[in-house]
Amino acid sequence: MKIYRIPQNLKTILFDIDGTLYTNNAWVLEQVDIQVRHYAHISGISEDAAREKIRNFRKKWAAEHDGKKISLGNTFVHLGIPVKTSVEWRSMLLEPSRYLSPDPKLRVELEALKEKYHLICVTNNSIFAAQKTLKTIGVEDLLTDIIGLDSCWKSKPDKAILELAVEHGQCSAEECLSIGDRYDIDLDMPLTMGMGGILVDGVEDIYGLHSILDGKS
């Protein structure tokens, strides 16, 4: 965990989901690869060719943008796949129950956080896919406010998504804390907007978060 900033008057916490609210690298990778495989099939190229094409594009993009990473959704946009199509793919293809299971520790933590803060999920998945993940890990009733790809047809780190999150939180950006496992995607823009930011290595860093916030805020 790396704490960049915690707002003095914290009201809203923005959670990334994948790699943040669960730790399962196999599922994180499969979520990407299953979409790449689907892209290969509809494009009439081999799966390996599709993987190389996307890998090369992301590498080139990073080289041209000071090493910053680009999301898969935004990568597909550059390859001619609209965000709405990505939403359809994710809703159709992703089955988190094959990899994930309920997390009682996470549930206890989110219950404690929900007593003090407005909790919002901000994800590059579709809302439906996010709901499936939250249900699988057993916290769907605690994280009902979800901003996904189909909320404004943008992909993180687009500023419009975060502006929508601030609107949902009924607060200012300076009263928000963004938590995620990827700096370029989950934290760079929030910090630029004046939000707080915490970089995590996985769900283990979420356990006990309320104690950290009580001590820092």
C-alpha atoms as a PDB file:
ATOM      1  CA  MET A   1       0.000   0.000   0.000  1.00  0.00           C
ATOM      2  CA  LYS A   2       1.127   3.507  -0.783  1.00  0.00           C
ATOM      3  CA  ILE A   3      -0.784   6.461   0.612  1.00  0.00           C
ATOM      4  CA  TYR A   4      -0.507   9.566  -1.563  1.00  0.00           C
ATOM      5  CA  ARG A   5      -3.067  11.746   0.150  1.00  0.00           C
ATOM      6  CA  ILE A   6      -6.047  11.394   2.473  1.00  0.00           C
ATOM      7  CA  PRO A   7      -8.563  14.255   2.455  1.00  0.00           C
ATOM      8  CA  GLN A   8      -8.977  16.105   5.736  1.00  0.00           C
ATOM      9  CA  ASN A   9     -12.742  16.193   5.272  1.00  0.00           C
ATOM     10  CA  LEU A  10     -13.293  12.794   3.689  1.00  0.00           C
ATOM     11  CA  LYS A  11     -16.861  12.059   2.630  1.00  0.00           C
ATOM     12  CA  THR A  12     -16.681   9.669  -0.318  1.00  0.00           C
ATOM     13  CA  ILE A  13     -14.445   6.709  -1.168  1.00  0.00           C
ATOM     14  CA  LEU A  14     -14.094   5.619  -4.788  1.00  0.00           C
ATOM     15  CA  PHE A  15     -13.116   1.965  -5.113  1.00  0.00           C
ATOM     16  CA  ASP A  16     -11.725   0.287  -8.165  1.00  0.00           C
ATOM     17  CA  ILE A  17     -12.909  -3.340  -8.215  1.00  0.00           C
ATOM     18  CA  ASP A  18     -10.585  -5.653 -10.127  1.00  0.00           C
ATOM     19  CA  GLY A  19      -7.311  -6.185  -8.294  1.00  0.00           C
ATOM     20  CA  THR A  20      -8.532  -3.903  -5.502  1.00  0.00           C
ATOM     21  CA  LEU A  21     -11.570  -5.536  -3.892  1.00  0.00           C
ATOM     22  CA  TYR A  22     -10.244  -9.001  -4.583  1.00  0.00           C
ATOM     23  CA  THR A  23      -6.812 -10.540  -5.116  1.00  0.00           C
ATOM     24  CA  ASN A  24      -6.815 -13.097  -7.907  1.00  0.00           C
ATOM     25  CA  ASN A  25      -4.259 -12.454 -10.605  1.00  0.00           C
ATOM     26  CA  ALA A  26      -5.535 -15.325 -12.735  1.00  0.00           C
ATOM     27  CA  TRP A  27      -8.955 -13.682 -12.997  1.00  0.00           C
ATOM     28  CA  VAL A  28      -7.512 -10.224 -13.590  1.00  0.00           C
ATOM     29  CA  LEU A  29      -5.538 -11.623 -16.527  1.00  0.00           C
ATOM     30  CA  GLU A  30      -8.397 -13.769 -17.824  1.00  0.00           C
ATOM     31  CA  GLN A  31     -10.755 -10.784 -17.920  1.00  0.00           C
ATOM     32  CA  VAL A  32      -8.400  -9.175 -20.405  1.00  0.00           C
ATOM     33  CA  ASP A  33      -7.540 -12.284 -22.367  1.00  0.00           C
ATOM     34  CA  ILE A  34     -11.114 -13.467 -22.855  1.00  0.00           C
ATOM     35  CA  GLN A  35     -11.895 -10.138 -24.521  1.00  0.00           C
ATOM     36  CA  VAL A  36      -8.746 -10.338 -26.625  1.00  0.00           C
ATOM     37  CA  ARG A  37      -9.695 -13.856 -27.721  1.00  0.00           C
ATOM     38  CA  HIS A  38     -13.160 -12.636 -28.655  1.00  0.00           C
ATOM     39  CA  TYR A  39     -11.615  -9.769 -30.615  1.00  0.00           C
ATOM     40  CA  ALA A  40      -9.452 -12.332 -32.445  1.00  0.00           C
ATOM     41  CA  HIS A  41     -12.439 -14.444 -33.401  1.00  0.00           C
ATOM     42  CA  ILE A  42     -14.524 -11.584 -34.803  1.00  0.00           C
ATOM     43  CA  SER A  43     -11.470 -10.133 -36.561  1.00  0.00           C
ATOM     44  CA  GLY A  44     -10.542 -13.382 -38.230  1.00  0.00           C
ATOM     45  CA  ILE A  45      -7.026 -13.497 -36.779  1.00  0.00           C
ATOM     46  CA  SER A  46      -5.357 -15.929 -34.414  1.00  0.00           C
ATOM     47  CA  GLU A  47      -5.553 -15.405 -30.671  1.00  0.00           C
ATOM     48  CA  ASP A  48      -1.785 -15.012 -30.493  1.00  0.00           C
ATOM     49  CA  ALA A  49      -1.868 -12.410 -33.264  1.00  0.00           C
ATOM     50  CA  ALA A  50      -4.560 -10.480 -31.400  1.00  0.00           C
ATOM     51  CA  ARG A  51      -2.556 -10.589 -28.170  1.00  0.00           C
ATOM     52  CA  GLU A  52       0.530  -9.316 -29.982  1.00  0.00           C
ATOM     53  CA  LYS A  53      -1.429  -6.570 -31.733  1.00  0.00           C
ATOM     54  CA  ILE A  54      -2.867  -5.250 -28.489  1.00  0.00           C
ATOM     55  CA  ARG A  55       0.398  -5.664 -26.601  1.00  0.00           C
ATOM     56  CA  ASN A  56       2.291  -3.736 -29.292  1.00  0.00           C
ATOM     57  CA  PHE A  57      -0.292  -0.959 -29.363  1.00  0.00           C
ATOM     58  CA  ARG A  58      -0.207  -0.507 -25.584  1.00  0.00           C
ATOM     59  CA  LYS A  59       3.592  -0.534 -25.617  1.00  0.00           C
ATOM     60  CA  LYS A  60       3.684   2.090 -28.363  1.00  0.00           C
ATOM     61  CA  TRP A  61       1.074   4.225 -26.613  1.00  0.00           C
ATOM     62  CA  ALA A  62       3.027   4.130 -23.346  1.00  0.00           C
ATOM     63  CA  ALA A  63       6.216   5.135 -25.152  1.00  0.00           C
ATOM     64  CA  GLU A  64       4.407   8.138 -26.618  1.00  0.00           C
ATOM     65  CA  HIS A  65       2.789   9.156 -23.297  1.00  0.00           C
ATOM     66  CA  ASP A  66       5.675   9.236 -20.820  1.00  0.00           C
ATOM     67  CA  GLY A  67       5.250   5.587 -19.882  1.00  0.00           C
ATOM     68  CA  LYS A  68       1.625   5.878 -18.788  1.00  0.00           C
ATOM     69  CA  LYS A  69      -0.634   2.872 -19.294  1.00  0.00           C
ATOM     70  CA  ILE A  70      -3.816   2.763 -21.353  1.00  0.00           C
ATOM     71  CA  SER A  71      -6.870   0.740 -20.365  1.00  0.00           C
ATOM     72  CA  LEU A  72      -8.085  -2.167 -22.458  1.00  0.00           C
ATOM     73  CA  GLY A  73     -11.321  -0.307 -23.205  1.00  0.00           C
ATOM     74  CA  ASN A  74      -9.448   2.688 -24.554  1.00  0.00           C
ATOM     75  CA  THR A  75      -7.146   0.372 -26.478  1.00  0.00           C
ATOM     76  CA  PHE A  76     -10.132  -1.194 -28.200  1.00  0.00           C
ATOM     77  CA  VAL A  77     -11.456   2.256 -29.097  1.00  0.00           C
ATOM     78  CA  HIS A  78      -8.206   2.960 -30.944  1.00  0.00           C
ATOM     79  CA  LEU A  79      -8.630  -0.367 -32.737  1.00  0.00           C
ATOM     80  CA  GLY A  80     -12.124   0.539 -33.922  1.00  0.00           C
ATOM     81  CA  ILE A  81     -14.172  -1.141 -31.187  1.00  0.00           C
ATOM     82  CA  PRO A  82     -16.645   1.359 -29.654  1.00  0.00           C
ATOM     83  CA  VAL A  83     -17.045   1.509 -25.884  1.00  0.00           C
ATOM     84  CA  LYS A  84     -20.645   0.301 -26.215  1.00  0.00           C
ATOM     85  CA  THR A  85     -19.347  -2.842 -27.888  1.00  0.00           C
ATOM     86  CA  SER A  86     -16.823  -3.355 -25.088  1.00  0.00           C
ATOM     87  CA  VAL A  87     -19.673  -3.095 -22.597  1.00  0.00           C
ATOM     88  CA  GLU A  88     -21.594  -5.795 -24.464  1.00  0.00           C
ATOM     89  CA  TRP A  89     -18.547  -8.056 -24.579  1.00  0.00           C
ATOM     90  CA  ARG A  90     -17.811  -7.690 -20.868  1.00  0.00           C
ATOM     91  CA  SER A  91     -21.414  -8.305 -19.855  1.00  0.00           C
ATOM     92  CA  MET A  92     -21.562 -11.392 -22.060  1.00  0.00           C
ATOM     93  CA  LEU A  93     -18.131 -12.918 -21.465  1.00  0.00           C
ATOM     94  CA  LEU A  94     -17.128 -12.280 -17.858  1.00  0.00           C
ATOM     95  CA  GLU A  95     -18.048 -14.922 -15.261  1.00  0.00           C
ATOM     96  CA  PRO A  96     -16.289 -14.049 -11.974  1.00  0.00           C
ATOM     97  CA  SER A  97     -17.897 -16.940 -10.079  1.00  0.00           C
ATOM     98  CA  ARG A  98     -15.457 -19.281 -11.830  1.00  0.00           C
ATOM     99  CA  TYR A  99     -12.560 -17.616 -10.027  1.00  0.00           C
ATOM    100  CA  LEU A 100     -13.852 -15.713  -6.998  1.00  0.00           C
ATOM    101  CA  SER A 101     -15.769 -16.468  -3.802  1.00  0.00           C
ATOM    102  CA  PRO A 102     -17.288 -14.523  -0.870  1.00  0.00           C
ATOM    103  CA  ASP A 103     -14.830 -12.531   1.264  1.00  0.00           C
ATOM    104  CA  PRO A 104     -16.087 -12.155   4.857  1.00  0.00           C
ATOM    105  CA  LYS A 105     -13.140  -9.935   5.859  1.00  0.00           C
ATOM    106  CA  LEU A 106     -13.883  -7.492   3.066  1.00  0.00           C
ATOM    107  CA  ARG A 107     -17.535  -7.417   4.047  1.00  0.00           C
ATOM    108  CA  VAL A 108     -16.710  -6.524   7.654  1.00  0.00           C
ATOM    109  CA  GLU A 109     -14.388  -3.747   6.466  1.00  0.00           C
ATOM    110  CA  LEU A 110     -16.898  -2.250   4.059  1.00  0.00           C
ATOM    111  CA  GLU A 111     -19.604  -2.339   6.718  1.00  0.00           C
ATOM    112  CA  ALA A 112     -17.356  -0.271   8.981  1.00  0.00           C
ATOM    113  CA  LEU A 113     -16.503   2.173   6.194  1.00  0.00           C
ATOM    114  CA  LYS A 114     -20.123   2.539   5.120  1.00  0.00           C
ATOM    115  CA  GLU A 115     -21.016   3.872   8.574  1.00  0.00           C
ATOM    116  CA  LYS A 116     -18.909   6.986   7.886  1.00  0.00           C
ATOM    117  CA  TYR A 117     -18.469   7.363   4.149  1.00  0.00           C
ATOM    118  CA  HIS A 118     -20.328   7.193   0.855  1.00  0.00           C
ATOM    119  CA  LEU A 119     -18.859   4.196  -0.990  1.00  0.00           C
ATOM    120  CA  ILE A 120     -18.798   4.196  -4.795  1.00  0.00           C
ATOM    121  CA  CYS A 121     -17.296   1.702  -7.230  1.00  0.00           C
ATOM    122  CA  VAL A 122     -15.637   3.233 -10.270  1.00  0.00           C
ATOM    123  CA  THR A 123     -14.754   0.529 -12.762  1.00  0.00           C
ATOM    124  CA  ASN A 124     -13.755   0.055 -16.374  1.00  0.00           C
ATOM    125  CA  ASN A 125     -16.133  -2.880 -16.544  1.00  0.00           C
ATOM    126  CA  SER A 126     -19.796  -2.640 -17.436  1.00  0.00           C
ATOM    127  CA  ILE A 127     -22.180  -2.068 -14.538  1.00  0.00           C
ATOM    128  CA  PHE A 128     -23.653  -5.535 -15.044  1.00  0.00           C
ATOM    129  CA  ALA A 129     -20.221  -7.199 -14.968  1.00  0.00           C
ATOM    130  CA  ALA A 130     -19.323  -5.191 -11.856  1.00  0.00           C
ATOM    131  CA  GLN A 131     -22.524  -6.261 -10.141  1.00  0.00           C
ATOM    132  CA  LYS A 132     -21.704  -9.899 -10.870  1.00  0.00           C
ATOM    133  CA  THR A 133     -18.271  -9.492  -9.312  1.00  0.00           C
ATOM    134  CA  LEU A 134     -19.587  -7.719  -6.219  1.00  0.00           C
ATOM    135  CA  LYS A 135     -22.248 -10.408  -5.769  1.00  0.00           C
ATOM    136  CA  THR A 136     -19.657 -13.158  -6.104  1.00  0.00           C
ATOM    137  CA  ILE A 137     -17.429 -11.670  -3.382  1.00  0.00           C
ATOM    138  CA  GLY A 138     -20.473 -11.050  -1.196  1.00  0.00           C
ATOM    139  CA  VAL A 139     -20.674  -7.256  -0.973  1.00  0.00           C
ATOM    140  CA  GLU A 140     -23.249  -6.318  -3.607  1.00  0.00           C
ATOM    141  CA  ASP A 141     -25.609  -4.859  -0.978  1.00  0.00           C
ATOM    142  CA  LEU A 142     -22.859  -2.635   0.439  1.00  0.00           C
ATOM    143  CA  LEU A 143     -21.606  -1.272  -2.874  1.00  0.00           C
ATOM    144  CA  THR A 144     -24.753  -0.410  -4.795  1.00  0.00           C
ATOM    145  CA  ASP A 145     -23.459   2.825  -6.344  1.00  0.00           C
ATOM    146  CA  ILE A 146     -21.485   1.769  -9.419  1.00  0.00           C
ATOM    147  CA  ILE A 147     -20.020   3.926 -12.167  1.00  0.00           C
ATOM    148  CA  GLY A 148     -18.984   1.775 -15.089  1.00  0.00           C
ATOM    149  CA  LEU A 149     -18.215   1.936 -18.774  1.00  0.00           C
ATOM    150  CA  ASP A 150     -21.899   2.325 -19.569  1.00  0.00           C
ATOM    151  CA  SER A 151     -22.427   5.221 -17.143  1.00  0.00           C
ATOM    152  CA  CYS A 152     -20.969   7.823 -19.500  1.00  0.00           C
ATOM    153  CA  TRP A 153     -19.343   5.660 -22.195  1.00  0.00           C
ATOM    154  CA  LYS A 154     -15.879   6.615 -21.048  1.00  0.00           C
ATOM    155  CA  SER A 155     -13.039   4.537 -19.638  1.00  0.00           C
ATOM    156  CA  LYS A 156     -10.757   5.450 -16.750  1.00  0.00           C
ATOM    157  CA  PRO A 157      -8.687   7.588 -16.472  1.00  0.00           C
ATOM    158  CA  ASP A 158     -11.079   9.893 -18.345  1.00  0.00           C
ATOM    159  CA  LYS A 159     -11.971  12.893 -16.183  1.00  0.00           C
ATOM    160  CA  ALA A 160     -15.680  12.624 -17.044  1.00  0.00           C
ATOM    161  CA  ILE A 161     -15.973   9.397 -15.043  1.00  0.00           C
ATOM    162  CA  LEU A 162     -14.528  11.016 -11.954  1.00  0.00           C
ATOM    163  CA  GLU A 163     -16.704  14.092 -12.339  1.00  0.00           C
ATOM    164  CA  LEU A 164     -19.697  11.760 -12.388  1.00  0.00           C
ATOM    165  CA  ALA A 165     -18.386  10.055  -9.253  1.00  0.00           C
ATOM    166  CA  VAL A 166     -18.145  13.414  -7.482  1.00  0.00           C
ATOM    167  CA  GLU A 167     -21.727  14.122  -8.530  1.00  0.00           C
ATOM    168  CA  HIS A 168     -22.867  10.770  -7.139  1.00  0.00           C
ATOM    169  CA  GLY A 169     -20.979  11.448  -3.926  1.00  0.00           C
ATOM    170  CA  GLN A 170     -22.647  14.862  -3.542  1.00  0.00           C
ATOM    171  CA  CYS A 171     -19.343  16.327  -2.474  1.00  0.00           C
ATOM    172  CA  SER A 172     -16.292  18.071  -3.881  1.00  0.00           C
ATOM    173  CA  ALA A 173     -13.309  16.340  -5.452  1.00  0.00           C
ATOM    174  CA  GLU A 174     -11.254  17.392  -2.418  1.00  0.00           C
ATOM    175  CA  GLU A 175     -13.605  15.328  -0.244  1.00  0.00           C
ATOM    176  CA  CYS A 176     -13.059  12.127  -2.268  1.00  0.00           C
ATOM    177  CA  LEU A 177     -10.509   9.362  -1.874  1.00  0.00           C
ATOM    178  CA  SER A 178      -9.707   7.134  -4.862  1.00  0.00           C
ATOM    179  CA  ILE A 179      -8.396   3.638  -4.138  1.00  0.00           C
ATOM    180  CA  GLY A 180      -7.048   1.289  -6.796  1.00  0.00           C
ATOM    181  CA  ASP A 181      -4.242  -1.024  -7.838  1.00  0.00           C
ATOM    182  CA  ARG A 182      -3.030   0.906 -10.936  1.00  0.00           C
ATOM    183  CA  TYR A 183      -1.540   4.362 -10.526  1.00  0.00           C
ATOM    184  CA  ASP A 184      -2.016   5.556 -14.112  1.00  0.00           C
ATOM    185  CA  ILE A 185      -5.604   4.313 -14.343  1.00  0.00           C
ATOM    186  CA  ASP A 186      -6.949   4.729 -10.798  1.00  0.00           C
ATOM    187  CA  LEU A 187      -4.935   7.494  -9.132  1.00  0.00           C
ATOM    188  CA  ASP A 188      -3.218   9.881 -11.536  1.00  0.00           C
ATOM    189  CA  MET A 189      -6.326  11.785 -12.613  1.00  0.00           C
ATOM    190  CA  PRO A 190      -7.989  11.761  -9.170  1.00  0.00           C
ATOM    191  CA  LEU A 191      -4.875  13.251  -7.590  1.00  0.00           C
ATOM    192  CA  THR A 192      -4.713  15.854 -10.364  1.00  0.00           C
ATOM    193  CA  MET A 193      -8.309  16.796  -9.554  1.00  0.00           C
ATOM    194  CA  GLY A 194      -7.473  17.267  -5.871  1.00  0.00           C
ATOM    195  CA  MET A 195      -8.748  13.942  -4.579  1.00  0.00           C
ATOM    196  CA  GLY A 196      -6.922  11.729  -2.159  1.00  0.00           C
ATOM    197  CA  GLY A 197      -5.319   8.545  -3.402  1.00  0.00           C
ATOM    198  CA  ILE A 198      -4.212   5.161  -2.080  1.00  0.00           C
ATOM    199  CA  LEU A 199      -2.445   2.589  -4.245  1.00  0.00           C
ATOM    200  CA  VAL A 200      -3.057  -1.003  -3.124  1.00  0.00           C
ATOM    201  CA  ASP A 201      -1.543  -4.347  -4.029  1.00  0.00           C
ATOM    202  CA  GLY A 202      -4.807  -6.204  -3.525  1.00  0.00           C
ATOM    203  CA  VAL A 203      -7.730  -6.697  -1.185  1.00  0.00           C
ATOM    204  CA  GLU A 204      -5.423  -7.422   1.748  1.00  0.00           C
ATOM    205  CA  ASP A 205      -4.601  -3.715   1.819  1.00  0.00           C
ATOM    206  CA  ILE A 206      -8.315  -2.911   2.177  1.00  0.00           C
ATOM    207  CA  TYR A 207      -8.632  -4.908   5.381  1.00  0.00           C
ATOM    208  CA  GLY A 208      -8.225  -2.461   8.256  1.00  0.00           C
ATOM    209  CA  LEU A 209      -8.612   0.572   5.994  1.00  0.00           C
ATOM    210  CA  HIS A 210     -11.108   2.185   8.374  1.00  0.00           C
ATOM    211  CA  SER A 211      -8.467   2.159  11.105  1.00  0.00           C
ATOM    212  CA  ILE A 212      -5.997   3.886   8.806  1.00  0.00           C
ATOM    213  CA  LEU A 213      -8.542   6.521   7.855  1.00  0.00           C
ATOM    214  CA  ASP A 214      -9.486   7.099  11.486  1.00  0.00           C
ATOM    215  CA  GLY A 215      -5.843   7.745  12.252  1.00  0.00           C
ATOM    216  CA  LYS A 216      -5.133   9.960   9.222  1.00  0.00           C
ATOM    217  CA  SER A 217      -8.308  11.960   8.762  1.00  0.00           C
END
